[in-house]
Structures are given as structure tokens and as C-alpha cells.
Amino acid sequence: MSKSYKDQFKEESVRRRQRQQKQIAAVIILIGVLVSAAIWYLDGLSKEQQVPQQTSQQQSAQTAEQPGQEVKTETPAAEPPKEEQKQPEAVKPAYTILIDKSEYKLYVLKDNEVIKQWGVAVGAKPGQKQRAGDMTTPTGNFEVDEILDASYWTHDFGDGKGEIKGAYGPNFISMVTGWDGIGIHGTHAPESIGTMVSEGCVRMRNGELLELLPYVEVGTKVTIRE
């Protein structure tokens, strides 16, 4: 039995999270090693500084014991005022995405100015999404949560052609919409662009999807309007 695209989407998400957890563990271990090395270095440096300090104290004592010589006391230099460190501001994604269902267009915006646009295909049914499987693309303000490799995904569209390889193109840009498996992806049928045909996702031509990717990252805001 072939896997649905939602199962493939979930499996890819699990594999990606596992890779991220391994990377985080490696970073934690590296930080531990660096901290240990820093502590060892500072401890050795502190011991080296103690020797000249003791010698200076001994010389001061000897000078004080000699008659007729004035002992000069050095006044430590005042420390310069410490500058207040500002907390770095969180970096916001540089671009936002606007998808207009009635125009069958996807726009890339920067500072509310359109800098790129491409044609898309949307859900086969108009209006707001009401339930899973209603063939409608949801409208509202959403956010990208994952960008997945979909090049090996397959899907059966129920048209008698069976499993279609490359049904989702090279990538799947997943969005948090409140519905599972809604995203922006490529297609094996570029002639469908500019129509209402999908099961709820937003389709793009594969080459144009690749052009979009540099403008998208996790956290990118996506607005879909009717």
C-alpha cells in the first residue's frame, strides 16, 4: 500500500527533527569542550600572575625597612565606566509572501513593495477551508514552519493514473494553518497553473518554486486572501 503525501510529509519532518537534535547535541558537546579549555587556561594564567604580585609585595616590605627612604604608595588607576551592553534585537525575516487566490498569483514583498511574482494554482473549491479534504485553500495570515525535500514524494490523485512521481516538485514549503499538510509546492502538471485544481495546497511551476526558495525561511509570514 502506497503512503499518502501526509505520511511522507510527517516522515520527512521526523527525519529533519532528528538531524536537528543530533546537530544540537554536537554543538552542546563542543561548547562543553571549549568551556573546559577556557577554565584550564584562566586557571593557569591566574597562577602565573600570583608570582610577580608576591615579588612586588616583598620589594615593598624591604623598602619600608630601609631608614631614611620614603615609601611611596601607588594609587590604583580608576577603572573606566563600563558601557551598557545592548541586547541584540531579534532578526526578522526580510520578505513576506502574499497569495491572491482570485488572481492565481504569489507575490514576494519587501517593505510592502512587490519585488517578485509568479502564477499559482489553488484549491478546487473557493472560500474558506472548513474541514480536511474539502479541496479548499485556507485564507488568513500564516507562517512557514518547514522547507522539505519533496523530490521523492508520490501521490495518487484518484484519476486512475495511480501513484505519480514528482507530484510535489522539488520542495514542499510547509505552513502553520491549523490544517495538516497545507503548503506551497511544485507540480508534475505545469499546465494546471492559473486554475482551481489542487486539494488545498498552492502549486507553482517547479522552476519558479526554486526561484522562490531564496526569499523564504522558517518564520516567513504568508498571507492568503480570496
C-alpha atoms as a PDB file:
ATOM      1  CA  MET A   1       0.000   0.000   0.000  1.00  0.00           C
ATOM      2  CA  SER A   2       1.471   3.369  -1.022  1.00  0.00           C
ATOM      3  CA  LYS A   3       1.934   6.129   1.509  1.00  0.00           C
ATOM      4  CA  SER A   4      -0.122   9.303   1.305  1.00  0.00           C
ATOM      5  CA  TYR A   5       1.634  12.622   0.909  1.00  0.00           C
ATOM      6  CA  LYS A   6       0.674  13.456   4.512  1.00  0.00           C
ATOM      7  CA  ASP A   7       2.512  10.332   5.752  1.00  0.00           C
ATOM      8  CA  GLN A   8       5.524  11.247   3.613  1.00  0.00           C
ATOM      9  CA  PHE A   9       5.360  14.811   4.945  1.00  0.00           C
ATOM     10  CA  LYS A  10       5.310  13.583   8.561  1.00  0.00           C
ATOM     11  CA  GLU A  11       8.180  11.126   7.982  1.00  0.00           C
ATOM     12  CA  GLU A  12      10.321  13.850   6.398  1.00  0.00           C
ATOM     13  CA  SER A  13       9.526  16.153   9.334  1.00  0.00           C
ATOM     14  CA  VAL A  14      10.593  13.483  11.851  1.00  0.00           C
ATOM     15  CA  ARG A  15      13.858  12.841   9.979  1.00  0.00           C
ATOM     16  CA  ARG A  16      14.586  16.569   9.868  1.00  0.00           C
ATOM     17  CA  ARG A  17      13.934  16.999  13.604  1.00  0.00           C
ATOM     18  CA  GLN A  18      16.228  14.032  14.361  1.00  0.00           C
ATOM     19  CA  ARG A  19      19.018  15.640  12.298  1.00  0.00           C
ATOM     20  CA  GLN A  20      18.481  18.922  14.127  1.00  0.00           C
ATOM     21  CA  GLN A  21      18.630  17.157  17.528  1.00  0.00           C
ATOM     22  CA  LYS A  22      21.940  15.496  16.577  1.00  0.00           C
ATOM     23  CA  GLN A  23      23.353  18.841  15.446  1.00  0.00           C
ATOM     24  CA  ILE A  24      22.248  20.489  18.708  1.00  0.00           C
ATOM     25  CA  ALA A  25      23.869  17.679  20.748  1.00  0.00           C
ATOM     26  CA  ALA A  26      27.136  18.105  18.820  1.00  0.00           C
ATOM     27  CA  VAL A  27      27.082  21.861  19.450  1.00  0.00           C
ATOM     28  CA  ILE A  28      26.479  21.309  23.202  1.00  0.00           C
ATOM     29  CA  ILE A  29      29.438  18.906  23.397  1.00  0.00           C
ATOM     30  CA  LEU A  30      31.663  21.381  21.530  1.00  0.00           C
ATOM     31  CA  ILE A  31      30.623  24.196  23.882  1.00  0.00           C
ATOM     32  CA  GLY A  32      31.465  21.985  26.881  1.00  0.00           C
ATOM     33  CA  VAL A  33      34.937  21.284  25.495  1.00  0.00           C
ATOM     34  CA  LEU A  34      35.562  24.981  24.829  1.00  0.00           C
ATOM     35  CA  VAL A  35      34.388  25.983  28.322  1.00  0.00           C
ATOM     36  CA  SER A  36      36.654  23.364  29.938  1.00  0.00           C
ATOM     37  CA  ALA A  37      39.630  24.601  27.893  1.00  0.00           C
ATOM     38  CA  ALA A  38      38.901  28.213  28.852  1.00  0.00           C
ATOM     39  CA  ILE A  39      38.704  27.332  32.561  1.00  0.00           C
ATOM     40  CA  TRP A  40      42.012  25.453  32.350  1.00  0.00           C
ATOM     41  CA  TYR A  41      43.683  28.396  30.560  1.00  0.00           C
ATOM     42  CA  LEU A  42      42.359  31.014  33.004  1.00  0.00           C
ATOM     43  CA  ASP A  43      43.412  28.906  35.996  1.00  0.00           C
ATOM     44  CA  GLY A  44      46.988  28.675  34.645  1.00  0.00           C
ATOM     45  CA  LEU A  45      47.054  32.392  33.884  1.00  0.00           C
ATOM     46  CA  SER A  46      45.896  33.225  37.414  1.00  0.00           C
ATOM     47  CA  LYS A  47      48.731  31.169  38.938  1.00  0.00           C
ATOM     48  CA  GLU A  48      51.316  32.939  36.749  1.00  0.00           C
ATOM     49  CA  GLN A  49      50.066  36.349  37.857  1.00  0.00           C
ATOM     50  CA  GLN A  50      50.365  35.458  41.539  1.00  0.00           C
ATOM     51  CA  VAL A  51      54.200  35.171  41.382  1.00  0.00           C
ATOM     52  CA  PRO A  52      55.020  38.741  40.273  1.00  0.00           C
ATOM     53  CA  GLN A  53      52.414  40.054  42.709  1.00  0.00           C
ATOM     54  CA  GLN A  54      54.161  38.323  45.624  1.00  0.00           C
ATOM     55  CA  THR A  55      57.571  39.623  44.467  1.00  0.00           C
ATOM     56  CA  SER A  56      56.220  43.187  44.363  1.00  0.00           C
ATOM     57  CA  GLN A  57      54.892  42.822  47.907  1.00  0.00           C
ATOM     58  CA  GLN A  58      58.301  41.566  49.123  1.00  0.00           C
ATOM     59  CA  GLN A  59      60.092  44.531  47.493  1.00  0.00           C
ATOM     60  CA  SER A  60      57.684  46.951  49.164  1.00  0.00           C
ATOM     61  CA  ALA A  61      58.382  45.378  52.552  1.00  0.00           C
ATOM     62  CA  GLN A  62      62.160  45.638  52.026  1.00  0.00           C
ATOM     63  CA  THR A  63      61.882  49.307  51.035  1.00  0.00           C
ATOM     64  CA  ALA A  64      59.842  50.074  54.142  1.00  0.00           C
ATOM     65  CA  GLU A  65      62.554  48.545  56.390  1.00  0.00           C
ATOM     66  CA  GLN A  66      65.329  50.838  54.989  1.00  0.00           C
ATOM     67  CA  PRO A  67      65.729  54.032  57.124  1.00  0.00           C
ATOM     68  CA  GLY A  68      65.622  57.443  55.519  1.00  0.00           C
ATOM     69  CA  GLN A  69      63.693  56.320  52.491  1.00  0.00           C
ATOM     70  CA  GLU A  70      60.147  57.409  51.854  1.00  0.00           C
ATOM     71  CA  VAL A  71      57.790  54.662  50.913  1.00  0.00           C
ATOM     72  CA  LYS A  72      55.580  55.683  48.032  1.00  0.00           C
ATOM     73  CA  THR A  73      52.115  54.210  47.887  1.00  0.00           C
ATOM     74  CA  GLU A  74      50.740  53.802  44.403  1.00  0.00           C
ATOM     75  CA  THR A  75      47.124  54.729  43.933  1.00  0.00           C
ATOM     76  CA  PRO A  76      45.339  52.279  41.661  1.00  0.00           C
ATOM     77  CA  ALA A  77      44.029  53.835  38.477  1.00  0.00           C
ATOM     78  CA  ALA A  78      40.292  54.332  38.370  1.00  0.00           C
ATOM     79  CA  GLU A  79      38.528  51.824  36.150  1.00  0.00           C
ATOM     80  CA  PRO A  80      36.777  53.355  33.162  1.00  0.00           C
ATOM     81  CA  PRO A  81      32.982  53.202  33.348  1.00  0.00           C
ATOM     82  CA  LYS A  82      31.568  50.074  31.780  1.00  0.00           C
ATOM     83  CA  GLU A  83      29.433  50.603  28.738  1.00  0.00           C
ATOM     84  CA  GLU A  84      25.955  49.188  28.953  1.00  0.00           C
ATOM     85  CA  GLN A  85      25.661  46.229  26.643  1.00  0.00           C
ATOM     86  CA  LYS A  86      22.606  46.303  24.443  1.00  0.00           C
ATOM     87  CA  GLN A  87      20.758  43.077  23.813  1.00  0.00           C
ATOM     88  CA  PRO A  88      20.762  42.188  20.121  1.00  0.00           C
ATOM     89  CA  GLU A  89      17.379  42.568  18.506  1.00  0.00           C
ATOM     90  CA  ALA A  90      15.739  39.508  17.002  1.00  0.00           C
ATOM     91  CA  VAL A  91      16.287  39.361  13.262  1.00  0.00           C
ATOM     92  CA  LYS A  92      13.004  39.378  11.390  1.00  0.00           C
ATOM     93  CA  PRO A  93      12.622  37.619   8.041  1.00  0.00           C
ATOM     94  CA  ALA A  94      13.396  40.083   5.261  1.00  0.00           C
ATOM     95  CA  TYR A  95      10.498  39.112   2.983  1.00  0.00           C
ATOM     96  CA  THR A  96       6.789  38.307   3.239  1.00  0.00           C
ATOM     97  CA  ILE A  97       4.560  36.311   0.899  1.00  0.00           C
ATOM     98  CA  LEU A  98       1.114  37.259  -0.407  1.00  0.00           C
ATOM     99  CA  ILE A  99      -1.039  34.746  -2.301  1.00  0.00           C
ATOM    100  CA  ASP A 100      -4.145  36.042  -4.081  1.00  0.00           C
ATOM    101  CA  LYS A 101      -6.458  33.132  -4.905  1.00  0.00           C
ATOM    102  CA  SER A 102      -8.677  35.077  -7.307  1.00  0.00           C
ATOM    103  CA  GLU A 103      -5.661  36.344  -9.267  1.00  0.00           C
ATOM    104  CA  TYR A 104      -3.809  32.989  -9.086  1.00  0.00           C
ATOM    105  CA  LYS A 105      -0.690  34.934  -8.079  1.00  0.00           C
ATOM    106  CA  LEU A 106       2.044  34.623  -5.462  1.00  0.00           C
ATOM    107  CA  TYR A 107       3.851  37.846  -4.588  1.00  0.00           C
ATOM    108  CA  VAL A 108       7.126  38.368  -2.716  1.00  0.00           C
ATOM    109  CA  LEU A 109       7.132  41.650  -0.790  1.00  0.00           C
ATOM    110  CA  LYS A 110       9.872  43.636   0.915  1.00  0.00           C
ATOM    111  CA  ASP A 111       8.813  46.657   2.975  1.00  0.00           C
ATOM    112  CA  ASN A 112       5.321  46.224   1.483  1.00  0.00           C
ATOM    113  CA  GLU A 113       6.684  46.575  -2.065  1.00  0.00           C
ATOM    114  CA  VAL A 114       6.236  43.732  -4.586  1.00  0.00           C
ATOM    115  CA  ILE A 115       9.621  42.561  -5.878  1.00  0.00           C
ATOM    116  CA  LYS A 116       8.678  39.193  -7.417  1.00  0.00           C
ATOM    117  CA  GLN A 117       5.519  37.462  -8.614  1.00  0.00           C
ATOM    118  CA  TRP A 118       4.561  34.112 -10.152  1.00  0.00           C
ATOM    119  CA  GLY A 119       1.409  32.275 -11.175  1.00  0.00           C
ATOM    120  CA  VAL A 120      -0.070  29.565  -8.931  1.00  0.00           C
ATOM    121  CA  ALA A 121      -2.865  27.026  -8.781  1.00  0.00           C
ATOM    122  CA  VAL A 122      -5.127  26.850  -5.720  1.00  0.00           C
ATOM    123  CA  GLY A 123      -7.804  24.629  -4.206  1.00  0.00           C
ATOM    124  CA  ALA A 124     -10.562  23.291  -6.436  1.00  0.00           C
ATOM    125  CA  LYS A 125     -13.244  24.847  -4.199  1.00  0.00           C
ATOM    126  CA  PRO A 126     -13.488  28.597  -3.365  1.00  0.00           C
ATOM    127  CA  GLY A 127     -13.986  30.182   0.045  1.00  0.00           C
ATOM    128  CA  GLN A 128     -12.541  29.471   3.485  1.00  0.00           C
ATOM    129  CA  LYS A 129     -11.424  25.961   4.375  1.00  0.00           C
ATOM    130  CA  GLN A 130     -13.967  24.283   6.677  1.00  0.00           C
ATOM    131  CA  ARG A 131     -12.757  20.697   7.022  1.00  0.00           C
ATOM    132  CA  ALA A 132      -9.971  18.363   5.958  1.00  0.00           C
ATOM    133  CA  GLY A 133     -10.387  17.095   2.408  1.00  0.00           C
ATOM    134  CA  ASP A 134     -12.789  19.846   1.271  1.00  0.00           C
ATOM    135  CA  MET A 135     -10.457  20.793  -1.634  1.00  0.00           C
ATOM    136  CA  THR A 136     -10.193  24.404  -0.382  1.00  0.00           C
ATOM    137  CA  THR A 137      -7.089  26.544   0.170  1.00  0.00           C
ATOM    138  CA  PRO A 138      -7.377  28.273   3.579  1.00  0.00           C
ATOM    139  CA  THR A 139      -7.272  32.074   3.773  1.00  0.00           C
ATOM    140  CA  GLY A 140      -5.632  34.124   6.536  1.00  0.00           C
ATOM    141  CA  ASN A 141      -2.231  35.010   7.962  1.00  0.00           C
ATOM    142  CA  PHE A 142       0.150  32.080   8.348  1.00  0.00           C
ATOM    143  CA  GLU A 143       3.835  31.298   8.889  1.00  0.00           C
ATOM    144  CA  VAL A 144       6.354  28.943   7.278  1.00  0.00           C
ATOM    145  CA  ASP A 145       7.462  26.210   9.689  1.00  0.00           C
ATOM    146  CA  GLU A 146       9.438  23.830   7.454  1.00  0.00           C
ATOM    147  CA  ILE A 147      11.005  23.615   3.999  1.00  0.00           C
ATOM    148  CA  LEU A 148      11.184  19.957   2.986  1.00  0.00           C
ATOM    149  CA  ASP A 149      12.740  17.912   0.204  1.00  0.00           C
ATOM    150  CA  ALA A 150       9.720  16.582  -1.711  1.00  0.00           C
ATOM    151  CA  SER A 151      11.566  15.353  -4.786  1.00  0.00           C
ATOM    152  CA  TYR A 152      10.866  11.693  -3.985  1.00  0.00           C
ATOM    153  CA  TRP A 153       7.240  12.115  -2.824  1.00  0.00           C
ATOM    154  CA  THR A 154       4.436  10.437  -4.756  1.00  0.00           C
ATOM    155  CA  HIS A 155       0.665  10.938  -4.791  1.00  0.00           C
ATOM    156  CA  ASP A 156      -2.406   9.245  -6.206  1.00  0.00           C
ATOM    157  CA  PHE A 157      -4.862  11.899  -7.387  1.00  0.00           C
ATOM    158  CA  GLY A 158      -7.651   9.369  -7.802  1.00  0.00           C
ATOM    159  CA  ASP A 159      -7.814   9.899 -11.562  1.00  0.00           C
ATOM    160  CA  GLY A 160      -6.973   6.322 -12.459  1.00  0.00           C
ATOM    161  CA  LYS A 161      -3.312   7.081 -13.191  1.00  0.00           C
ATOM    162  CA  GLY A 162      -2.083   5.652  -9.887  1.00  0.00           C
ATOM    163  CA  GLU A 163       0.928   6.953  -7.961  1.00  0.00           C
ATOM    164  CA  ILE A 164       2.536   9.976  -9.622  1.00  0.00           C
ATOM    165  CA  LYS A 165       6.250  10.550  -9.059  1.00  0.00           C
ATOM    166  CA  GLY A 166       7.292  14.175  -8.666  1.00  0.00           C
ATOM    167  CA  ALA A 167       3.741  15.210  -7.844  1.00  0.00           C
ATOM    168  CA  TYR A 168       5.035  17.861  -5.429  1.00  0.00           C
ATOM    169  CA  GLY A 169       8.053  19.061  -7.361  1.00  0.00           C
ATOM    170  CA  PRO A 170      11.442  19.598  -5.694  1.00  0.00           C
ATOM    171  CA  ASN A 171      10.290  21.102  -2.382  1.00  0.00           C
ATOM    172  CA  PHE A 172       7.354  21.486  -0.018  1.00  0.00           C
ATOM    173  CA  ILE A 173       7.110  24.777   1.924  1.00  0.00           C
ATOM    174  CA  SER A 174       5.005  23.824   4.926  1.00  0.00           C
ATOM    175  CA  MET A 175       2.805  26.430   6.615  1.00  0.00           C
ATOM    176  CA  VAL A 176       1.142  26.545  10.043  1.00  0.00           C
ATOM    177  CA  THR A 177      -2.516  26.963   9.058  1.00  0.00           C
ATOM    178  CA  GLY A 178      -4.351  24.789  11.569  1.00  0.00           C
ATOM    179  CA  TRP A 179      -4.688  22.089   8.886  1.00  0.00           C
ATOM    180  CA  ASP A 180      -2.270  19.220   8.236  1.00  0.00           C
ATOM    181  CA  GLY A 181      -0.289  19.133   5.003  1.00  0.00           C
ATOM    182  CA  ILE A 182      -1.042  22.604   3.636  1.00  0.00           C
ATOM    183  CA  GLY A 183       1.871  24.273   1.874  1.00  0.00           C
ATOM    184  CA  ILE A 184       3.411  25.692  -1.277  1.00  0.00           C
ATOM    185  CA  HIS A 185       4.980  23.142  -3.630  1.00  0.00           C
ATOM    186  CA  GLY A 186       5.843  22.327  -7.210  1.00  0.00           C
ATOM    187  CA  THR A 187       3.829  20.173  -9.601  1.00  0.00           C
ATOM    188  CA  HIS A 188       4.099  17.470 -12.247  1.00  0.00           C
ATOM    189  CA  ALA A 189       1.376  19.306 -14.196  1.00  0.00           C
ATOM    190  CA  PRO A 190       2.552  22.870 -15.006  1.00  0.00           C
ATOM    191  CA  GLU A 191      -0.479  23.350 -17.261  1.00  0.00           C
ATOM    192  CA  SER A 192      -2.632  23.451 -14.088  1.00  0.00           C
ATOM    193  CA  ILE A 193      -1.145  26.808 -13.019  1.00  0.00           C
ATOM    194  CA  GLY A 194      -3.780  29.542 -13.120  1.00  0.00           C
ATOM    195  CA  THR A 195      -6.647  27.192 -12.231  1.00  0.00           C
ATOM    196  CA  MET A 196      -8.581  25.888  -9.232  1.00  0.00           C
ATOM    197  CA  VAL A 197      -7.454  22.294  -9.125  1.00  0.00           C
ATOM    198  CA  SER A 198      -5.458  21.386  -6.004  1.00  0.00           C
ATOM    199  CA  GLU A 199      -6.605  19.583  -2.873  1.00  0.00           C
ATOM    200  CA  GLY A 200      -5.889  22.703  -0.819  1.00  0.00           C
ATOM    201  CA  CYS A 201      -2.208  23.462  -1.360  1.00  0.00           C
ATOM    202  CA  VAL A 202      -0.713  26.209  -3.513  1.00  0.00           C
ATOM    203  CA  ARG A 203       1.036  24.870  -6.624  1.00  0.00           C
ATOM    204  CA  MET A 204       3.847  26.513  -8.578  1.00  0.00           C
ATOM    205  CA  ARG A 205       5.872  25.561 -11.623  1.00  0.00           C
ATOM    206  CA  ASN A 206       8.956  23.687 -10.439  1.00  0.00           C
ATOM    207  CA  GLY A 207      11.464  26.181 -11.827  1.00  0.00           C
ATOM    208  CA  GLU A 208       9.600  29.123 -10.312  1.00  0.00           C
ATOM    209  CA  LEU A 209       9.380  27.359  -6.951  1.00  0.00           C
ATOM    210  CA  LEU A 210      13.187  27.163  -6.957  1.00  0.00           C
ATOM    211  CA  GLU A 211      13.295  30.890  -7.721  1.00  0.00           C
ATOM    212  CA  LEU A 212      11.047  31.500  -4.687  1.00  0.00           C
ATOM    213  CA  LEU A 213      13.126  29.495  -2.202  1.00  0.00           C
ATOM    214  CA  PRO A 214      15.849  32.152  -1.574  1.00  0.00           C
ATOM    215  CA  TYR A 215      13.118  34.509  -0.334  1.00  0.00           C
ATOM    216  CA  VAL A 216      11.632  32.005   2.140  1.00  0.00           C
ATOM    217  CA  GLU A 217      12.828  30.768   5.518  1.00  0.00           C
ATOM    218  CA  VAL A 218      11.312  29.312   8.664  1.00  0.00           C
ATOM    219  CA  GLY A 219       9.268  32.142  10.166  1.00  0.00           C
ATOM    220  CA  THR A 220       8.422  33.857   6.866  1.00  0.00           C
ATOM    221  CA  LYS A 221       4.914  35.351   7.060  1.00  0.00           C
ATOM    222  CA  VAL A 222       2.419  34.220   4.426  1.00  0.00           C
ATOM    223  CA  THR A 223      -0.934  35.887   3.778  1.00  0.00           C
ATOM    224  CA  ILE A 224      -3.519  34.090   1.630  1.00  0.00           C
ATOM    225  CA  ARG A 225      -6.529  36.095   0.504  1.00  0.00           C
ATOM    226  CA  GLU A 226      -9.609  35.181  -1.508  1.00  0.00           C
END
